[in-house]
PDB file of all heavy atoms in Angstrom:
ATOM      1  N   GLN A   1      46.838 -98.383  31.185  1.00  0.00           N
ATOM      2  CA  GLN A   1      48.020 -98.321  32.036  1.00  0.00           C
ATOM      3  C   GLN A   1      48.013 -96.934  32.749  1.00  0.00           C
ATOM      4  O   GLN A   1      47.499 -95.962  32.199  1.00  0.00           O
ATOM      5  CB  GLN A   1      49.315 -98.530  31.287  1.00  0.00           C
ATOM      6  CG  GLN A   1      49.429 -99.886  30.622  1.00  0.00           C
ATOM      7  CD  GLN A   1      49.561-100.993  31.701  1.00  0.00           C
ATOM      8  OE1 GLN A   1      50.070-100.791  32.757  1.00  0.00           O
ATOM      9  NE2 GLN A   1      48.977-102.140  31.282  1.00  0.00           N
ATOM     10  N   PRO A   2      48.662 -96.851  33.936  1.00  0.00           N
ATOM     11  CA  PRO A   2      48.737 -95.538  34.641  1.00  0.00           C
ATOM     12  C   PRO A   2      49.518 -94.514  33.765  1.00  0.00           C
ATOM     13  O   PRO A   2      50.621 -94.749  33.274  1.00  0.00           O
ATOM     14  CB  PRO A   2      49.512 -95.856  35.919  1.00  0.00           C
ATOM     15  CG  PRO A   2      49.276 -97.315  36.124  1.00  0.00           C
ATOM     16  CD  PRO A   2      49.177 -97.952  34.775  1.00  0.00           C
ATOM     17  N   GLY A   3      48.882 -93.386  33.583  1.00  0.00           N
ATOM     18  CA  GLY A   3      49.508 -92.325  32.800  1.00  0.00           C
ATOM     19  C   GLY A   3      49.349 -92.433  31.296  1.00  0.00           C
ATOM     20  O   GLY A   3      49.795 -91.521  30.582  1.00  0.00           O
ATOM     21  N   GLU A   4      48.726 -93.522  30.796  1.00  0.00           N
ATOM     22  CA  GLU A   4      48.624 -93.707  29.354  1.00  0.00           C
ATOM     23  C   GLU A   4      47.744 -92.644  28.717  1.00  0.00           C
ATOM     24  O   GLU A   4      48.115 -92.095  27.680  1.00  0.00           O
ATOM     25  CB  GLU A   4      48.059 -95.112  29.069  1.00  0.00           C
ATOM     26  CG  GLU A   4      47.880 -95.359  27.581  1.00  0.00           C
ATOM     27  CD  GLU A   4      47.366 -96.756  27.315  1.00  0.00           C
ATOM     28  OE1 GLU A   4      47.174 -97.504  28.255  1.00  0.00           O
ATOM     29  OE2 GLU A   4      47.030 -97.036  26.170  1.00  0.00           O
ATOM     30  N   LEU A   5      46.622 -92.316  29.343  1.00  0.00           N
ATOM     31  CA  LEU A   5      45.713 -91.350  28.761  1.00  0.00           C
ATOM     32  C   LEU A   5      46.308 -89.932  28.749  1.00  0.00           C
ATOM     33  O   LEU A   5      46.158 -89.256  27.761  1.00  0.00           O
ATOM     34  CB  LEU A   5      44.391 -91.333  29.534  1.00  0.00           C
ATOM     35  CG  LEU A   5      43.504 -92.557  29.387  1.00  0.00           C
ATOM     36  CD1 LEU A   5      42.315 -92.477  30.286  1.00  0.00           C
ATOM     37  CD2 LEU A   5      43.066 -92.710  27.916  1.00  0.00           C
ATOM     38  N   SER A   6      46.965 -89.553  29.844  1.00  0.00           N
ATOM     39  CA  SER A   6      47.556 -88.197  29.857  1.00  0.00           C
ATOM     40  C   SER A   6      48.693 -88.030  28.806  1.00  0.00           C
ATOM     41  O   SER A   6      48.743 -87.010  28.130  1.00  0.00           O
ATOM     42  CB  SER A   6      48.076 -87.882  31.254  1.00  0.00           C
ATOM     43  OG  SER A   6      49.124 -88.854  31.616  1.00  0.00           O
ATOM     44  N   VAL A   7      49.494 -89.066  28.697  1.00  0.00           N
ATOM     45  CA  VAL A   7      50.522 -89.026  27.673  1.00  0.00           C
ATOM     46  C   VAL A   7      49.958 -89.004  26.254  1.00  0.00           C
ATOM     47  O   VAL A   7      50.393 -88.206  25.423  1.00  0.00           O
ATOM     48  CB  VAL A   7      51.496 -90.224  27.829  1.00  0.00           C
ATOM     49  CG1 VAL A   7      52.512 -90.271  26.700  1.00  0.00           C
ATOM     50  CG2 VAL A   7      52.243 -90.138  29.185  1.00  0.00           C
ATOM     51  N   MET A   8      48.958 -89.831  26.019  1.00  0.00           N
ATOM     52  CA  MET A   8      48.321 -89.867  24.713  1.00  0.00           C
ATOM     53  C   MET A   8      47.680 -88.521  24.374  1.00  0.00           C
ATOM     54  O   MET A   8      47.836 -87.993  23.248  1.00  0.00           O
ATOM     55  CB  MET A   8      47.291 -90.971  24.669  1.00  0.00           C
ATOM     56  CG  MET A   8      46.536 -91.105  23.344  1.00  0.00           C
ATOM     57  SD  MET A   8      45.048 -90.150  23.249  1.00  0.00           S
ATOM     58  CE  MET A   8      44.122 -90.947  24.572  1.00  0.00           C
ATOM     59  N   ILE A   9      46.972 -87.934  25.308  1.00  0.00           N
ATOM     60  CA  ILE A   9      46.325 -86.588  25.044  1.00  0.00           C
ATOM     61  C   ILE A   9      47.311 -85.553  24.736  1.00  0.00           C
ATOM     62  O   ILE A   9      47.187 -84.799  23.786  1.00  0.00           O
ATOM     63  CB  ILE A   9      45.364 -86.248  26.192  1.00  0.00           C
ATOM     64  CG1 ILE A   9      44.262 -87.282  26.337  1.00  0.00           C
ATOM     65  CG2 ILE A   9      44.901 -84.848  26.050  1.00  0.00           C
ATOM     66  CD1 ILE A   9      43.392 -87.032  27.548  1.00  0.00           C
ATOM     67  N   ASN A  10      48.377 -85.478  25.593  1.00  0.00           N
ATOM     68  CA  ASN A  10      49.357 -84.438  25.380  1.00  0.00           C
ATOM     69  C   ASN A  10      50.060 -84.579  24.062  1.00  0.00           C
ATOM     70  O   ASN A  10      50.276 -83.570  23.280  1.00  0.00           O
ATOM     71  CB  ASN A  10      50.368 -84.476  26.521  1.00  0.00           C
ATOM     72  CG  ASN A  10      49.777 -84.020  27.826  1.00  0.00           C
ATOM     73  OD1 ASN A  10      48.898 -83.159  27.854  1.00  0.00           O
ATOM     74  ND2 ASN A  10      50.300 -84.474  28.942  1.00  0.00           N
ATOM     75  N   GLU A  11      50.469 -85.803  23.645  1.00  0.00           N
ATOM     76  CA  GLU A  11      51.163 -86.040  22.452  1.00  0.00           C
ATOM     77  C   GLU A  11      50.314 -85.695  21.210  1.00  0.00           C
ATOM     78  O   GLU A  11      50.703 -84.969  20.314  1.00  0.00           O
ATOM     79  CB  GLU A  11      51.650 -87.523  22.330  1.00  0.00           C
ATOM     80  CG  GLU A  11      52.772 -87.827  23.337  1.00  0.00           C
ATOM     81  CD  GLU A  11      54.113 -87.287  22.843  1.00  0.00           C
ATOM     82  OE1 GLU A  11      54.244 -87.024  21.645  1.00  0.00           O
ATOM     83  OE2 GLU A  11      55.026 -87.166  23.658  1.00  0.00           O
ATOM     84  N   ASN A  12      49.041 -86.189  21.202  1.00  0.00           N
ATOM     85  CA  ASN A  12      48.181 -86.021  20.039  1.00  0.00           C
ATOM     86  C   ASN A  12      47.756 -84.584  19.876  1.00  0.00           C
ATOM     87  O   ASN A  12      47.662 -84.030  18.815  1.00  0.00           O
ATOM     88  CB  ASN A  12      47.002 -86.970  20.126  1.00  0.00           C
ATOM     89  CG  ASN A  12      47.431 -88.402  19.907  1.00  0.00           C
ATOM     90  OD1 ASN A  12      48.356 -88.699  19.137  1.00  0.00           O
ATOM     91  ND2 ASN A  12      46.783 -89.343  20.588  1.00  0.00           N
ATOM     92  N   VAL A  13      47.336 -83.965  21.025  1.00  0.00           N
ATOM     93  CA  VAL A  13      46.854 -82.579  20.946  1.00  0.00           C
ATOM     94  C   VAL A  13      47.997 -81.663  20.525  1.00  0.00           C
ATOM     95  O   VAL A  13      47.805 -80.665  19.769  1.00  0.00           O
ATOM     96  CB  VAL A  13      46.243 -82.164  22.234  1.00  0.00           C
ATOM     97  CG1 VAL A  13      45.881 -80.689  22.229  1.00  0.00           C
ATOM     98  CG2 VAL A  13      44.973 -83.018  22.590  1.00  0.00           C
ATOM     99  N   GLU A  14      49.186 -81.904  20.968  1.00  0.00           N
ATOM    100  CA  GLU A  14      50.323 -81.105  20.587  1.00  0.00           C
ATOM    101  C   GLU A  14      50.570 -81.255  19.034  1.00  0.00           C
ATOM    102  O   GLU A  14      50.908 -80.251  18.344  1.00  0.00           O
ATOM    103  CB  GLU A  14      51.549 -81.509  21.322  1.00  0.00           C
ATOM    104  CG  GLU A  14      52.782 -80.698  21.017  1.00  0.00           C
ATOM    105  CD  GLU A  14      53.967 -81.129  21.857  1.00  0.00           C
ATOM    106  OE1 GLU A  14      53.820 -81.854  22.856  1.00  0.00           O
ATOM    107  OE2 GLU A  14      55.134 -80.696  21.532  1.00  0.00           O
ATOM    108  N   ALA A  15      50.416 -82.469  18.519  1.00  0.00           N
ATOM    109  CA  ALA A  15      50.558 -82.699  17.071  1.00  0.00           C
ATOM    110  C   ALA A  15      49.456 -81.932  16.304  1.00  0.00           C
ATOM    111  O   ALA A  15      49.674 -81.310  15.251  1.00  0.00           O
ATOM    112  CB  ALA A  15      50.516 -84.174  16.742  1.00  0.00           C
ATOM    113  N   ILE A  16      48.231 -81.949  16.857  1.00  0.00           N
ATOM    114  CA  ILE A  16      47.110 -81.229  16.174  1.00  0.00           C
ATOM    115  C   ILE A  16      47.363 -79.748  16.184  1.00  0.00           C
ATOM    116  O   ILE A  16      47.147 -79.055  15.223  1.00  0.00           O
ATOM    117  CB  ILE A  16      45.815 -81.565  16.935  1.00  0.00           C
ATOM    118  CG1 ILE A  16      45.454 -83.040  16.682  1.00  0.00           C
ATOM    119  CG2 ILE A  16      44.671 -80.656  16.379  1.00  0.00           C
ATOM    120  CD1 ILE A  16      44.276 -83.501  17.532  1.00  0.00           C
ATOM    121  N   GLU A  17      47.811 -79.265  17.338  1.00  0.00           N
ATOM    122  CA  GLU A  17      48.187 -77.822  17.405  1.00  0.00           C
ATOM    123  C   GLU A  17      49.210 -77.406  16.425  1.00  0.00           C
ATOM    124  O   GLU A  17      49.120 -76.354  15.800  1.00  0.00           O
ATOM    125  CB  GLU A  17      48.615 -77.498  18.873  1.00  0.00           C
ATOM    126  CG  GLU A  17      48.935 -76.028  19.081  1.00  0.00           C
ATOM    127  CD  GLU A  17      49.395 -75.769  20.534  1.00  0.00           C
ATOM    128  OE1 GLU A  17      49.167 -76.616  21.402  1.00  0.00           O
ATOM    129  OE2 GLU A  17      49.983 -74.697  20.765  1.00  0.00           O
ATOM    130  N   GLN A  18      50.230 -78.208  16.284  1.00  0.00           N
ATOM    131  CA  GLN A  18      51.324 -77.891  15.356  1.00  0.00           C
ATOM    132  C   GLN A  18      50.841 -77.946  13.922  1.00  0.00           C
ATOM    133  O   GLN A  18      51.191 -77.072  13.061  1.00  0.00           O
ATOM    134  CB  GLN A  18      52.478 -78.874  15.527  1.00  0.00           C
ATOM    135  CG  GLN A  18      53.660 -78.489  14.645  1.00  0.00           C
ATOM    136  CD  GLN A  18      54.888 -79.476  14.899  1.00  0.00           C
ATOM    137  OE1 GLN A  18      54.686 -80.499  15.527  1.00  0.00           O
ATOM    138  NE2 GLN A  18      56.004 -79.118  14.330  1.00  0.00           N
ATOM    139  N   GLY A  19      49.929 -78.879  13.610  1.00  0.00           N
ATOM    140  CA  GLY A  19      49.430 -78.942  12.305  1.00  0.00           C
ATOM    141  C   GLY A  19      48.492 -77.784  11.936  1.00  0.00           C
ATOM    142  O   GLY A  19      48.459 -77.425  10.754  1.00  0.00           O
ATOM    143  N   LEU A  20      47.782 -77.273  12.943  1.00  0.00           N
ATOM    144  CA  LEU A  20      46.899 -76.187  12.643  1.00  0.00           C
ATOM    145  C   LEU A  20      47.588 -74.797  12.675  1.00  0.00           C
ATOM    146  O   LEU A  20      46.914 -73.754  12.365  1.00  0.00           O
ATOM    147  CB  LEU A  20      45.707 -76.195  13.670  1.00  0.00           C
ATOM    148  CG  LEU A  20      44.773 -77.357  13.606  1.00  0.00           C
ATOM    149  CD1 LEU A  20      43.785 -77.288  14.716  1.00  0.00           C
ATOM    150  CD2 LEU A  20      44.075 -77.372  12.276  1.00  0.00           C
ATOM    151  N   SER A  21      48.809 -74.744  13.055  1.00  0.00           N
ATOM    152  CA  SER A  21      49.530 -73.499  13.121  1.00  0.00           C
ATOM    153  C   SER A  21      50.630 -73.440  12.129  1.00  0.00           C
ATOM    154  O   SER A  21      50.505 -73.011  11.031  1.00  0.00           O
ATOM    155  CB  SER A  21      50.002 -73.245  14.551  1.00  0.00           C
ATOM    156  OG  SER A  21      50.838 -74.363  14.955  1.00  0.00           O
ATOM    157  N   LYS A  22      51.837 -73.891  12.543  1.00  0.00           N
ATOM    158  CA  LYS A  22      53.022 -73.736  11.674  1.00  0.00           C
ATOM    159  C   LYS A  22      52.912 -74.500  10.379  1.00  0.00           C
ATOM    160  O   LYS A  22      53.237 -73.959   9.297  1.00  0.00           O
ATOM    161  CB  LYS A  22      54.262 -74.241  12.489  1.00  0.00           C
ATOM    162  CG  LYS A  22      55.555 -74.202  11.745  1.00  0.00           C
ATOM    163  CD  LYS A  22      56.722 -74.737  12.556  1.00  0.00           C
ATOM    164  CE  LYS A  22      58.004 -74.772  11.711  1.00  0.00           C
ATOM    165  NZ  LYS A  22      59.062 -75.364  12.463  1.00  0.00           N
ATOM    166  N   LYS A  23      52.474 -75.739  10.443  1.00  0.00           N
ATOM    167  CA  LYS A  23      52.375 -76.594   9.223  1.00  0.00           C
ATOM    168  C   LYS A  23      51.387 -76.021   8.251  1.00  0.00           C
ATOM    169  O   LYS A  23      51.586 -76.084   7.039  1.00  0.00           O
ATOM    170  CB  LYS A  23      52.083 -78.042   9.625  1.00  0.00           C
ATOM    171  CG  LYS A  23      53.128 -78.699  10.478  1.00  0.00           C
ATOM    172  CD  LYS A  23      54.478 -78.666   9.782  1.00  0.00           C
ATOM    173  CE  LYS A  23      55.507 -79.427  10.667  1.00  0.00           C
ATOM    174  NZ  LYS A  23      56.892 -79.395  10.018  1.00  0.00           N
ATOM    175  N   LEU A  24      50.245 -75.520   8.767  1.00  0.00           N
ATOM    176  CA  LEU A  24      49.238 -74.931   7.878  1.00  0.00           C
ATOM    177  C   LEU A  24      49.789 -73.714   7.224  1.00  0.00           C
ATOM    178  O   LEU A  24      49.549 -73.479   5.996  1.00  0.00           O
ATOM    179  CB  LEU A  24      47.956 -74.613   8.667  1.00  0.00           C
ATOM    180  CG  LEU A  24      46.810 -74.122   7.925  1.00  0.00           C
ATOM    181  CD1 LEU A  24      46.412 -75.102   6.792  1.00  0.00           C
ATOM    182  CD2 LEU A  24      45.615 -73.841   8.782  1.00  0.00           C
ATOM    183  N   VAL A  25      50.484 -72.865   7.934  1.00  0.00           N
ATOM    184  CA  VAL A  25      51.088 -71.663   7.281  1.00  0.00           C
ATOM    185  C   VAL A  25      52.082 -72.019   6.211  1.00  0.00           C
ATOM    186  O   VAL A  25      52.023 -71.532   5.052  1.00  0.00           O
ATOM    187  CB  VAL A  25      51.804 -70.785   8.366  1.00  0.00           C
ATOM    188  CG1 VAL A  25      52.494 -69.644   7.701  1.00  0.00           C
ATOM    189  CG2 VAL A  25      50.777 -70.265   9.365  1.00  0.00           C
ATOM    190  N   GLU A  26      52.917 -73.037   6.484  1.00  0.00           N
ATOM    191  CA  GLU A  26      53.871 -73.497   5.517  1.00  0.00           C
ATOM    192  C   GLU A  26      53.181 -74.089   4.269  1.00  0.00           C
ATOM    193  O   GLU A  26      53.655 -73.925   3.156  1.00  0.00           O
ATOM    194  CB  GLU A  26      54.838 -74.488   6.138  1.00  0.00           C
ATOM    195  CG  GLU A  26      55.739 -73.897   7.246  1.00  0.00           C
ATOM    196  CD  GLU A  26      56.530 -74.930   7.908  1.00  0.00           C
ATOM    197  OE1 GLU A  26      56.324 -76.143   7.653  1.00  0.00           O
ATOM    198  OE2 GLU A  26      57.486 -74.603   8.717  1.00  0.00           O
ATOM    199  N   LEU A  27      52.070 -74.809   4.453  1.00  0.00           N
ATOM    200  CA  LEU A  27      51.414 -75.406   3.350  1.00  0.00           C
ATOM    201  C   LEU A  27      50.847 -74.352   2.451  1.00  0.00           C
ATOM    202  O   LEU A  27      50.994 -74.389   1.206  1.00  0.00           O
ATOM    203  CB  LEU A  27      50.245 -76.344   3.873  1.00  0.00           C
ATOM    204  CG  LEU A  27      49.299 -76.912   2.816  1.00  0.00           C
ATOM    205  CD1 LEU A  27      50.068 -77.818   1.867  1.00  0.00           C
ATOM    206  CD2 LEU A  27      48.158 -77.634   3.466  1.00  0.00           C
TER     207      LEU A  27
END
């Protein structure tokens, strides 16, 4: 669908970034 890939990339990469930064420190 139009815009599906851009939305998917932004959502997932943002989750990966959060997991590798704040969540990793807290763990």
